Amino acid sequence: MRFHTLDLALAAQQAIVPLVRRVQRHDRKLAQQLRDATNSFVLNLGEGAYSDPGTRRSRYQSSAGSAGEVRVGLHAAIGWGYFRRSEAETALAQLDRLLGSLWKLTH
């Protein structure tokens, strides 16, 4: 059985990777934080999928927090001029879809 939300997370990760590489050229700390938070939302989803119900919800909430962190981090990178908003639209849209799916899983 496919886990649709994990598919959304992996698609978001793929869209984020080239943006993080661009941020890396200007701001290593922000790039590292974006990588860490991206890894967190993917890994917490994977862990939650195989956890008991109480832990599952907690992992999904952690995943949502990390996805939100990446979303804001991309906006910060736009603010710093590391890339244009139009270049981040796909990643931001993927993150919005992921966050919507995570909200459904936790509420």
PDB file of N, CA and C in Angstrom:
ATOM      1  N   MET A   1       0.837  -1.182   0.000  1.00  0.00           N
ATOM      2  CA  MET A   1       0.000   0.000   0.000  1.00  0.00           C
ATOM      3  C   MET A   1       0.885   1.250   0.000  1.00  0.00           C
ATOM      4  N   ARG A   2       0.550   2.193  -0.864  1.00  0.00           N
ATOM      5  CA  ARG A   2       1.325   3.431  -0.953  1.00  0.00           C
ATOM      6  C   ARG A   2       0.910   4.407   0.139  1.00  0.00           C
ATOM      7  N   PHE A   3       1.858   5.143   0.627  1.00  0.00           N
ATOM      8  CA  PHE A   3       1.615   6.180   1.628  1.00  0.00           C
ATOM      9  C   PHE A   3       1.703   7.510   0.891  1.00  0.00           C
ATOM     10  N   HIS A   4       0.541   8.048   0.521  1.00  0.00           N
ATOM     11  CA  HIS A   4       0.460   9.249  -0.310  1.00  0.00           C
ATOM     12  C   HIS A   4       1.242  10.418   0.297  1.00  0.00           C
ATOM     13  N   THR A   5       1.133  10.603   1.597  1.00  0.00           N
ATOM     14  CA  THR A   5       1.810  11.739   2.239  1.00  0.00           C
ATOM     15  C   THR A   5       3.325  11.606   2.136  1.00  0.00           C
ATOM     16  N   LEU A   6       3.835  10.397   2.239  1.00  0.00           N
ATOM     17  CA  LEU A   6       5.279  10.199   2.063  1.00  0.00           C
ATOM     18  C   LEU A   6       5.676  10.506   0.618  1.00  0.00           C
ATOM     19  N   ASP A   7       4.836  10.132  -0.335  1.00  0.00           N
ATOM     20  CA  ASP A   7       5.105  10.489  -1.736  1.00  0.00           C
ATOM     21  C   ASP A   7       5.178  12.004  -1.905  1.00  0.00           C
ATOM     22  N   LEU A   8       4.274  12.732  -1.233  1.00  0.00           N
ATOM     23  CA  LEU A   8       4.303  14.205  -1.290  1.00  0.00           C
ATOM     24  C   LEU A   8       5.600  14.747  -0.684  1.00  0.00           C
ATOM     25  N   ALA A   9       6.028  14.147   0.419  1.00  0.00           N
ATOM     26  CA  ALA A   9       7.257  14.594   1.083  1.00  0.00           C
ATOM     27  C   ALA A   9       8.473  14.385   0.191  1.00  0.00           C
ATOM     28  N   LEU A  10       8.534  13.243  -0.456  1.00  0.00           N
ATOM     29  CA  LEU A  10       9.677  12.955  -1.335  1.00  0.00           C
ATOM     30  C   LEU A  10       9.667  13.855  -2.570  1.00  0.00           C
ATOM     31  N   ALA A  11       8.488  14.175  -3.079  1.00  0.00           N
ATOM     32  CA  ALA A  11       8.391  15.110  -4.204  1.00  0.00           C
ATOM     33  C   ALA A  11       8.842  16.506  -3.771  1.00  0.00           C
ATOM     34  N   ALA A  12       8.443  16.911  -2.574  1.00  0.00           N
ATOM     35  CA  ALA A  12       8.879  18.208  -2.054  1.00  0.00           C
ATOM     36  C   ALA A  12      10.394  18.241  -1.899  1.00  0.00           C
ATOM     37  N   GLN A  13      10.954  17.160  -1.373  1.00  0.00           N
ATOM     38  CA  GLN A  13      12.409  17.087  -1.215  1.00  0.00           C
ATOM     39  C   GLN A  13      13.106  17.287  -2.557  1.00  0.00           C
ATOM     40  N   GLN A  14      12.624  16.618  -3.587  1.00  0.00           N
ATOM     41  CA  GLN A  14      13.240  16.745  -4.916  1.00  0.00           C
ATOM     42  C   GLN A  14      13.182  18.178  -5.428  1.00  0.00           C
ATOM     43  N   ALA A  15      12.098  18.879  -5.133  1.00  0.00           N
ATOM     44  CA  ALA A  15      11.974  20.273  -5.570  1.00  0.00           C
ATOM     45  C   ALA A  15      12.856  21.210  -4.751  1.00  0.00           C
ATOM     46  N   ILE A  16      13.141  20.833  -3.514  1.00  0.00           N
ATOM     47  CA  ILE A  16      13.937  21.669  -2.607  1.00  0.00           C
ATOM     48  C   ILE A  16      15.432  21.563  -2.889  1.00  0.00           C
ATOM     49  N   VAL A  17      15.889  20.400  -3.300  1.00  0.00           N
ATOM     50  CA  VAL A  17      17.327  20.143  -3.467  1.00  0.00           C
ATOM     51  C   VAL A  17      18.038  21.216  -4.296  1.00  0.00           C
ATOM     52  N   PRO A  18      17.577  21.565  -5.491  1.00  0.00           N
ATOM     53  CA  PRO A  18      18.319  22.567  -6.262  1.00  0.00           C
ATOM     54  C   PRO A  18      18.321  23.948  -5.614  1.00  0.00           C
ATOM     55  N   LEU A  19      17.281  24.249  -4.868  1.00  0.00           N
ATOM     56  CA  LEU A  19      17.239  25.543  -4.177  1.00  0.00           C
ATOM     57  C   LEU A  19      18.251  25.578  -3.045  1.00  0.00           C
ATOM     58  N   VAL A  20      18.370  24.483  -2.317  1.00  0.00           N
ATOM     59  CA  VAL A  20      19.349  24.418  -1.223  1.00  0.00           C
ATOM     60  C   VAL A  20      20.763  24.552  -1.793  1.00  0.00           C
ATOM     61  N   ARG A  21      20.999  23.955  -2.930  1.00  0.00           N
ATOM     62  CA  ARG A  21      22.322  24.085  -3.556  1.00  0.00           C
ATOM     63  C   ARG A  21      22.617  25.538  -3.911  1.00  0.00           C
ATOM     64  N   ARG A  22      21.608  26.278  -4.318  1.00  0.00           N
ATOM     65  CA  ARG A  22      21.803  27.703  -4.610  1.00  0.00           C
ATOM     66  C   ARG A  22      22.058  28.495  -3.335  1.00  0.00           C
ATOM     67  N   VAL A  23      21.315  28.176  -2.283  1.00  0.00           N
ATOM     68  CA  VAL A  23      21.520  28.855  -1.001  1.00  0.00           C
ATOM     69  C   VAL A  23      22.925  28.582  -0.491  1.00  0.00           C
ATOM     70  N   GLN A  24      23.423  27.368  -0.679  1.00  0.00           N
ATOM     71  CA  GLN A  24      24.748  26.960  -0.212  1.00  0.00           C
ATOM     72  C   GLN A  24      25.840  27.913  -0.690  1.00  0.00           C
ATOM     73  N   ARG A  25      25.695  28.431  -1.880  1.00  0.00           N
ATOM     74  CA  ARG A  25      26.705  29.354  -2.435  1.00  0.00           C
ATOM     75  C   ARG A  25      26.811  30.649  -1.645  1.00  0.00           C
ATOM     76  N   HIS A  26      25.733  31.006  -0.943  1.00  0.00           N
ATOM     77  CA  HIS A  26      25.689  32.299  -0.248  1.00  0.00           C
ATOM     78  C   HIS A  26      25.673  32.171   1.272  1.00  0.00           C
ATOM     79  N   ASP A  27      25.055  31.096   1.766  1.00  0.00           N
ATOM     80  CA  ASP A  27      24.772  31.007   3.197  1.00  0.00           C
ATOM     81  C   ASP A  27      24.794  29.535   3.627  1.00  0.00           C
ATOM     82  N   ARG A  28      25.954  29.079   4.072  1.00  0.00           N
ATOM     83  CA  ARG A  28      26.095  27.669   4.463  1.00  0.00           C
ATOM     84  C   ARG A  28      25.185  27.279   5.609  1.00  0.00           C
ATOM     85  N   LYS A  29      25.009  28.175   6.581  1.00  0.00           N
ATOM     86  CA  LYS A  29      24.184  27.843   7.745  1.00  0.00           C
ATOM     87  C   LYS A  29      22.715  27.675   7.351  1.00  0.00           C
ATOM     88  N   LEU A  30      22.207  28.567   6.533  1.00  0.00           N
ATOM     89  CA  LEU A  30      20.820  28.428   6.098  1.00  0.00           C
ATOM     90  C   LEU A  30      20.651  27.170   5.256  1.00  0.00           C
ATOM     91  N   ALA A  31      21.594  26.894   4.394  1.00  0.00           N
ATOM     92  CA  ALA A  31      21.517  25.682   3.576  1.00  0.00           C
ATOM     93  C   ALA A  31      21.507  24.431   4.456  1.00  0.00           C
ATOM     94  N   GLN A  32      22.345  24.409   5.487  1.00  0.00           N
ATOM     95  CA  GLN A  32      22.376  23.251   6.390  1.00  0.00           C
ATOM     96  C   GLN A  32      21.063  23.116   7.143  1.00  0.00           C
ATOM     97  N   GLN A  33      20.507  24.232   7.579  1.00  0.00           N
ATOM     98  CA  GLN A  33      19.242  24.177   8.302  1.00  0.00           C
ATOM     99  C   GLN A  33      18.120  23.679   7.381  1.00  0.00           C
ATOM    100  N   LEU A  34      18.130  24.111   6.125  1.00  0.00           N
ATOM    101  CA  LEU A  34      17.143  23.631   5.166  1.00  0.00           C
ATOM    102  C   LEU A  34      17.297  22.124   4.921  1.00  0.00           C
ATOM    103  N   ARG A  35      18.538  21.662   4.802  1.00  0.00           N
ATOM    104  CA  ARG A  35      18.774  20.216   4.634  1.00  0.00           C
ATOM    105  C   ARG A  35      18.292  19.435   5.846  1.00  0.00           C
ATOM    106  N   ASP A  36      18.646  19.924   7.032  1.00  0.00           N
ATOM    107  CA  ASP A  36      18.255  19.220   8.258  1.00  0.00           C
ATOM    108  C   ASP A  36      16.736  19.156   8.399  1.00  0.00           C
ATOM    109  N   ALA A  37      16.055  20.268   8.150  1.00  0.00           N
ATOM    110  CA  ALA A  37      14.600  20.294   8.289  1.00  0.00           C
ATOM    111  C   ALA A  37      13.931  19.438   7.215  1.00  0.00           C
ATOM    112  N   THR A  38      14.495  19.420   6.008  1.00  0.00           N
ATOM    113  CA  THR A  38      13.949  18.565   4.956  1.00  0.00           C
ATOM    114  C   THR A  38      14.106  17.096   5.343  1.00  0.00           C
ATOM    115  N   ASN A  39      15.288  16.734   5.800  1.00  0.00           N
ATOM    116  CA  ASN A  39      15.485  15.350   6.277  1.00  0.00           C
ATOM    117  C   ASN A  39      14.503  15.025   7.402  1.00  0.00           C
ATOM    118  N   SER A  40      14.267  15.978   8.277  1.00  0.00           N
ATOM    119  CA  SER A  40      13.373  15.759   9.406  1.00  0.00           C
ATOM    120  C   SER A  40      11.949  15.484   8.949  1.00  0.00           C
ATOM    121  N   PHE A  41      11.429  16.270   7.988  1.00  0.00           N
ATOM    122  CA  PHE A  41      10.038  16.003   7.617  1.00  0.00           C
ATOM    123  C   PHE A  41       9.897  14.674   6.897  1.00  0.00           C
ATOM    124  N   VAL A  42      10.890  14.274   6.122  1.00  0.00           N
ATOM    125  CA  VAL A  42      10.818  12.976   5.445  1.00  0.00           C
ATOM    126  C   VAL A  42      10.957  11.834   6.460  1.00  0.00           C
ATOM    127  N   LEU A  43      11.960  11.910   7.311  1.00  0.00           N
ATOM    128  CA  LEU A  43      12.221  10.819   8.248  1.00  0.00           C
ATOM    129  C   LEU A  43      11.139  10.675   9.309  1.00  0.00           C
ATOM    130  N   ASN A  44      10.597  11.785   9.798  1.00  0.00           N
ATOM    131  CA  ASN A  44       9.514  11.692  10.773  1.00  0.00           C
ATOM    132  C   ASN A  44       8.271  11.048  10.170  1.00  0.00           C
ATOM    133  N   LEU A  45       8.010  11.310   8.904  1.00  0.00           N
ATOM    134  CA  LEU A  45       6.896  10.636   8.237  1.00  0.00           C
ATOM    135  C   LEU A  45       7.132   9.133   8.171  1.00  0.00           C
ATOM    136  N   GLY A  46       8.334   8.752   7.781  1.00  0.00           N
ATOM    137  CA  GLY A  46       8.664   7.332   7.706  1.00  0.00           C
ATOM    138  C   GLY A  46       8.570   6.651   9.045  1.00  0.00           C
ATOM    139  N   GLU A  47       9.051   7.313  10.083  1.00  0.00           N
ATOM    140  CA  GLU A  47       8.979   6.726  11.420  1.00  0.00           C
ATOM    141  C   GLU A  47       7.533   6.631  11.883  1.00  0.00           C
ATOM    142  N   GLY A  48       6.776   7.681  11.668  1.00  0.00           N
ATOM    143  CA  GLY A  48       5.386   7.693  12.104  1.00  0.00           C
ATOM    144  C   GLY A  48       4.546   6.608  11.465  1.00  0.00           C
ATOM    145  N   ALA A  49       4.840   6.297  10.224  1.00  0.00           N
ATOM    146  CA  ALA A  49       4.059   5.293   9.501  1.00  0.00           C
ATOM    147  C   ALA A  49       4.125   3.924  10.170  1.00  0.00           C
ATOM    148  N   TYR A  50       5.162   3.667  10.943  1.00  0.00           N
ATOM    149  CA  TYR A  50       5.343   2.363  11.575  1.00  0.00           C
ATOM    150  C   TYR A  50       5.311   2.443  13.097  1.00  0.00           C
ATOM    151  N   SER A  51       4.684   3.505  13.609  1.00  0.00           N
ATOM    152  CA  SER A  51       4.623   3.712  15.055  1.00  0.00           C
ATOM    153  C   SER A  51       3.224   3.441  15.586  1.00  0.00           C
ATOM    154  N   ASP A  52       3.132   3.321  16.912  1.00  0.00           N
ATOM    155  CA  ASP A  52       1.813   3.196  17.535  1.00  0.00           C
ATOM    156  C   ASP A  52       1.059   4.517  17.349  1.00  0.00           C
ATOM    157  N   PRO A  53      -0.267   4.529  17.507  1.00  0.00           N
ATOM    158  CA  PRO A  53      -1.060   5.719  17.187  1.00  0.00           C
ATOM    159  C   PRO A  53      -0.630   7.004  17.888  1.00  0.00           C
ATOM    160  N   GLY A  54      -0.276   6.953  19.166  1.00  0.00           N
ATOM    161  CA  GLY A  54       0.142   8.164  19.876  1.00  0.00           C
ATOM    162  C   GLY A  54       1.454   8.709  19.336  1.00  0.00           C
ATOM    163  N   THR A  55       2.405   7.826  19.132  1.00  0.00           N
ATOM    164  CA  THR A  55       3.697   8.239  18.588  1.00  0.00           C
ATOM    165  C   THR A  55       3.545   8.683  17.141  1.00  0.00           C
ATOM    166  N   ARG A  56       2.686   8.010  16.401  1.00  0.00           N
ATOM    167  CA  ARG A  56       2.460   8.352  15.000  1.00  0.00           C
ATOM    168  C   ARG A  56       2.036   9.816  14.867  1.00  0.00           C
ATOM    169  N   ARG A  57       1.043  10.214  15.646  1.00  0.00           N
ATOM    170  CA  ARG A  57       0.570  11.605  15.568  1.00  0.00           C
ATOM    171  C   ARG A  57       1.688  12.584  15.915  1.00  0.00           C
ATOM    172  N   SER A  58       2.467  12.267  16.931  1.00  0.00           N
ATOM    173  CA  SER A  58       3.582  13.130  17.321  1.00  0.00           C
ATOM    174  C   SER A  58       4.605  13.268  16.195  1.00  0.00           C
ATOM    175  N   ARG A  59       4.931  12.167  15.536  1.00  0.00           N
ATOM    176  CA  ARG A  59       5.893  12.209  14.428  1.00  0.00           C
ATOM    177  C   ARG A  59       5.353  13.023  13.260  1.00  0.00           C
ATOM    178  N   TYR A  60       4.052  12.850  12.988  1.00  0.00           N
ATOM    179  CA  TYR A  60       3.447  13.619  11.900  1.00  0.00           C
ATOM    180  C   TYR A  60       3.423  15.110  12.235  1.00  0.00           C
ATOM    181  N   GLN A  61       3.203  15.439  13.496  1.00  0.00           N
ATOM    182  CA  GLN A  61       3.253  16.843  13.907  1.00  0.00           C
ATOM    183  C   GLN A  61       4.670  17.392  13.791  1.00  0.00           C
ATOM    184  N   SER A  62       5.652  16.593  14.157  1.00  0.00           N
ATOM    185  CA  SER A  62       7.053  17.015  13.994  1.00  0.00           C
ATOM    186  C   SER A  62       7.375  17.223  12.521  1.00  0.00           C
ATOM    187  N   SER A  63       6.876  16.330  11.687  1.00  0.00           N
ATOM    188  CA  SER A  63       7.087  16.451  10.253  1.00  0.00           C
ATOM    189  C   SER A  63       6.497  17.764   9.738  1.00  0.00           C
ATOM    190  N   ALA A  64       5.301  18.082  10.196  1.00  0.00           N
ATOM    191  CA  ALA A  64       4.657  19.333   9.778  1.00  0.00           C
ATOM    192  C   ALA A  64       5.468  20.544  10.238  1.00  0.00           C
ATOM    193  N   GLY A  65       5.979  20.495  11.455  1.00  0.00           N
ATOM    194  CA  GLY A  65       6.799  21.605  11.945  1.00  0.00           C
ATOM    195  C   GLY A  65       8.043  21.799  11.099  1.00  0.00           C
ATOM    196  N   SER A  66       8.669  20.713  10.729  1.00  0.00           N
ATOM    197  CA  SER A  66       9.876  20.812   9.896  1.00  0.00           C
ATOM    198  C   SER A  66       9.547  21.281   8.485  1.00  0.00           C
ATOM    199  N   ALA A  67       8.434  20.816   7.933  1.00  0.00           N
ATOM    200  CA  ALA A  67       8.024  21.275   6.604  1.00  0.00           C
ATOM    201  C   ALA A  67       7.736  22.774   6.632  1.00  0.00           C
ATOM    202  N   GLY A  68       7.098  23.233   7.701  1.00  0.00           N
ATOM    203  CA  GLY A  68       6.863  24.670   7.857  1.00  0.00           C
ATOM    204  C   GLY A  68       8.163  25.453   7.973  1.00  0.00           C
ATOM    205  N   GLU A  69       9.124  24.868   8.662  1.00  0.00           N
ATOM    206  CA  GLU A  69      10.436  25.508   8.792  1.00  0.00           C
ATOM    207  C   GLU A  69      11.100  25.657   7.421  1.00  0.00           C
ATOM    208  N   VAL A  70      11.026  24.625   6.607  1.00  0.00           N
ATOM    209  CA  VAL A  70      11.614  24.701   5.265  1.00  0.00           C
ATOM    210  C   VAL A  70      10.902  25.767   4.448  1.00  0.00           C
ATOM    211  N   ARG A  71       9.581  25.808   4.548  1.00  0.00           N
ATOM    212  CA  ARG A  71       8.808  26.800   3.795  1.00  0.00           C
ATOM    213  C   ARG A  71       9.265  28.215   4.146  1.00  0.00           C
ATOM    214  N   VAL A  72       9.377  28.492   5.432  1.00  0.00           N
ATOM    215  CA  VAL A  72       9.819  29.817   5.876  1.00  0.00           C
ATOM    216  C   VAL A  72      11.280  30.056   5.486  1.00  0.00           C
ATOM    217  N   GLY A  73      12.110  29.016   5.558  1.00  0.00           N
ATOM    218  CA  GLY A  73      13.508  29.146   5.154  1.00  0.00           C
ATOM    219  C   GLY A  73      13.646  29.508   3.682  1.00  0.00           C
ATOM    220  N   LEU A  74      12.794  28.937   2.841  1.00  0.00           N
ATOM    221  CA  LEU A  74      12.822  29.302   1.418  1.00  0.00           C
ATOM    222  C   LEU A  74      12.403  30.753   1.229  1.00  0.00           C
ATOM    223  N   HIS A  75      11.413  31.190   2.005  1.00  0.00           N
ATOM    224  CA  HIS A  75      11.020  32.605   1.930  1.00  0.00           C
ATOM    225  C   HIS A  75      12.157  33.512   2.407  1.00  0.00           C
ATOM    226  N   ALA A  76      12.891  33.074   3.412  1.00  0.00           N
ATOM    227  CA  ALA A  76      14.046  33.851   3.879  1.00  0.00           C
ATOM    228  C   ALA A  76      15.099  33.943   2.775  1.00  0.00           C
ATOM    229  N   ALA A  77      15.341  32.838   2.094  1.00  0.00           N
ATOM    230  CA  ALA A  77      16.312  32.845   0.988  1.00  0.00           C
ATOM    231  C   ALA A  77      15.861  33.778  -0.129  1.00  0.00           C
ATOM    232  N   ILE A  78      14.568  33.817  -0.383  1.00  0.00           N
ATOM    233  CA  ILE A  78      14.044  34.763  -1.370  1.00  0.00           C
ATOM    234  C   ILE A  78      14.306  36.185  -0.892  1.00  0.00           C
ATOM    235  N   GLY A  79      14.044  36.421   0.383  1.00  0.00           N
ATOM    236  CA  GLY A  79      14.287  37.747   0.959  1.00  0.00           C
ATOM    237  C   GLY A  79      15.738  38.189   0.858  1.00  0.00           C
ATOM    238  N   TRP A  80      16.654  37.253   0.985  1.00  0.00           N
ATOM    239  CA  TRP A  80      18.071  37.550   0.868  1.00  0.00           C
ATOM    240  C   TRP A  80      18.511  37.675  -0.587  1.00  0.00           C
ATOM    241  N   GLY A  81      17.647  37.330  -1.500  1.00  0.00           N
ATOM    242  CA  GLY A  81      17.983  37.452  -2.921  1.00  0.00           C
ATOM    243  C   GLY A  81      18.772  36.286  -3.482  1.00  0.00           C
ATOM    244  N   TYR A  82      18.721  35.135  -2.821  1.00  0.00           N
ATOM    245  CA  TYR A  82      19.464  33.970  -3.306  1.00  0.00           C
ATOM    246  C   TYR A  82      18.808  33.347  -4.538  1.00  0.00           C
ATOM    247  N   PHE A  83      17.499  33.537  -4.674  1.00  0.00           N
ATOM    248  CA  PHE A  83      16.752  33.163  -5.879  1.00  0.00           C
ATOM    249  C   PHE A  83      15.431  33.913  -5.837  1.00  0.00           C
ATOM    250  N   ARG A  84      14.734  33.941  -6.969  1.00  0.00           N
ATOM    251  CA  ARG A  84      13.452  34.627  -7.069  1.00  0.00           C
ATOM    252  C   ARG A  84      12.316  33.708  -6.608  1.00  0.00           C
ATOM    253  N   ARG A  85      11.244  34.333  -6.179  1.00  0.00           N
ATOM    254  CA  ARG A  85      10.070  33.564  -5.741  1.00  0.00           C
ATOM    255  C   ARG A  85       9.600  32.629  -6.851  1.00  0.00           C
ATOM    256  N   SER A  86       9.630  33.107  -8.082  1.00  0.00           N
ATOM    257  CA  SER A  86       9.171  32.277  -9.200  1.00  0.00           C
ATOM    258  C   SER A  86       9.990  30.989  -9.317  1.00  0.00           C
ATOM    259  N   GLU A  87      11.244  31.025  -8.894  1.00  0.00           N
ATOM    260  CA  GLU A  87      12.100  29.846  -8.948  1.00  0.00           C
ATOM    261  C   GLU A  87      11.784  28.851  -7.825  1.00  0.00           C
ATOM    262  N   ALA A  88      11.097  29.321  -6.804  1.00  0.00           N
ATOM    263  CA  ALA A  88      10.762  28.473  -5.661  1.00  0.00           C
ATOM    264  C   ALA A  88       9.301  28.021  -5.680  1.00  0.00           C
ATOM    265  N   GLU A  89       8.527  28.448  -6.665  1.00  0.00           N
ATOM    266  CA  GLU A  89       7.091  28.150  -6.685  1.00  0.00           C
ATOM    267  C   GLU A  89       6.784  26.659  -6.606  1.00  0.00           C
ATOM    268  N   THR A  90       7.504  25.847  -7.360  1.00  0.00           N
ATOM    269  CA  THR A  90       7.227  24.405  -7.338  1.00  0.00           C
ATOM    270  C   THR A  90       7.462  23.836  -5.947  1.00  0.00           C
ATOM    271  N   ALA A  91       8.569  24.165  -5.329  1.00  0.00           N
ATOM    272  CA  ALA A  91       8.870  23.659  -3.986  1.00  0.00           C
ATOM    273  C   ALA A  91       7.848  24.158  -2.975  1.00  0.00           C
ATOM    274  N   LEU A  92       7.493  25.425  -3.050  1.00  0.00           N
ATOM    275  CA  LEU A  92       6.513  25.970  -2.107  1.00  0.00           C
ATOM    276  C   LEU A  92       5.149  25.312  -2.285  1.00  0.00           C
ATOM    277  N   ALA A  93       4.759  25.068  -3.524  1.00  0.00           N
ATOM    278  CA  ALA A  93       3.485  24.391  -3.779  1.00  0.00           C
ATOM    279  C   ALA A  93       3.514  22.955  -3.251  1.00  0.00           C
ATOM    280  N   GLN A  94       4.640  22.278  -3.435  1.00  0.00           N
ATOM    281  CA  GLN A  94       4.780  20.911  -2.909  1.00  0.00           C
ATOM    282  C   GLN A  94       4.679  20.912  -1.389  1.00  0.00           C
ATOM    283  N   LEU A  95       5.318  21.886  -0.760  1.00  0.00           N
ATOM    284  CA  LEU A  95       5.264  21.977   0.704  1.00  0.00           C
ATOM    285  C   LEU A  95       3.845  22.271   1.180  1.00  0.00           C
ATOM    286  N   ASP A  96       3.120  23.129   0.468  1.00  0.00           N
ATOM    287  CA  ASP A  96       1.734  23.413   0.840  1.00  0.00           C
ATOM    288  C   ASP A  96       0.868  22.149   0.762  1.00  0.00           C
ATOM    289  N   ARG A  97       1.062  21.357  -0.289  1.00  0.00           N
ATOM    290  CA  ARG A  97       0.313  20.107  -0.412  1.00  0.00           C
ATOM    291  C   ARG A  97       0.673  19.148   0.724  1.00  0.00           C
ATOM    292  N   LEU A  98       1.962  19.067   1.025  1.00  0.00           N
ATOM    293  CA  LEU A  98       2.410  18.211   2.117  1.00  0.00           C
ATOM    294  C   LEU A  98       1.811  18.660   3.440  1.00  0.00           C
ATOM    295  N   LEU A  99       1.858  19.940   3.711  1.00  0.00           N
ATOM    296  CA  LEU A  99       1.316  20.456   4.971  1.00  0.00           C
ATOM    297  C   LEU A  99      -0.194  20.211   5.072  1.00  0.00           C
ATOM    298  N   GLY A 100      -0.894  20.320   3.967  1.00  0.00           N
ATOM    299  CA  GLY A 100      -2.322  20.007   3.977  1.00  0.00           C
ATOM    300  C   GLY A 100      -2.579  18.555   4.309  1.00  0.00           C
ATOM    301  N   SER A 101      -1.801  17.677   3.721  1.00  0.00           N
ATOM    302  CA  SER A 101      -1.949  16.250   3.995  1.00  0.00           C
ATOM    303  C   SER A 101      -1.607  15.927   5.449  1.00  0.00           C
ATOM    304  N   LEU A 102      -0.558  16.544   5.966  1.00  0.00           N
ATOM    305  CA  LEU A 102      -0.175  16.323   7.358  1.00  0.00           C
ATOM    306  C   LEU A 102      -1.240  16.853   8.307  1.00  0.00           C
ATOM    307  N   TRP A 103      -1.860  17.959   7.960  1.00  0.00           N
ATOM    308  CA  TRP A 103      -2.932  18.495   8.805  1.00  0.00           C
ATOM    309  C   TRP A 103      -4.057  17.476   8.895  1.00  0.00           C
ATOM    310  N   LYS A 104      -4.414  16.876   7.767  1.00  0.00           N
ATOM    311  CA  LYS A 104      -5.478  15.856   7.766  1.00  0.00           C
ATOM    312  C   LYS A 104      -5.101  14.662   8.640  1.00  0.00           C
ATOM    313  N   LEU A 105      -3.822  14.300   8.639  1.00  0.00           N
ATOM    314  CA  LEU A 105      -3.383  13.156   9.439  1.00  0.00           C
ATOM    315  C   LEU A 105      -3.382  13.448  10.947  1.00  0.00           C
ATOM    316  N   THR A 106      -3.295  14.707  11.315  1.00  0.00           N
ATOM    317  CA  THR A 106      -3.153  15.057  12.734  1.00  0.00           C
ATOM    318  C   THR A 106      -4.406  15.679  13.338  1.00  0.00           C
ATOM    319  N   HIS A 107      -5.419  15.938  12.535  1.00  0.00           N
ATOM    320  CA  HIS A 107      -6.640  16.574  13.060  1.00  0.00           C
ATOM    321  C   HIS A 107      -7.882  15.776  12.726  1.00  0.00           C
TER     322      HIS A 107
END
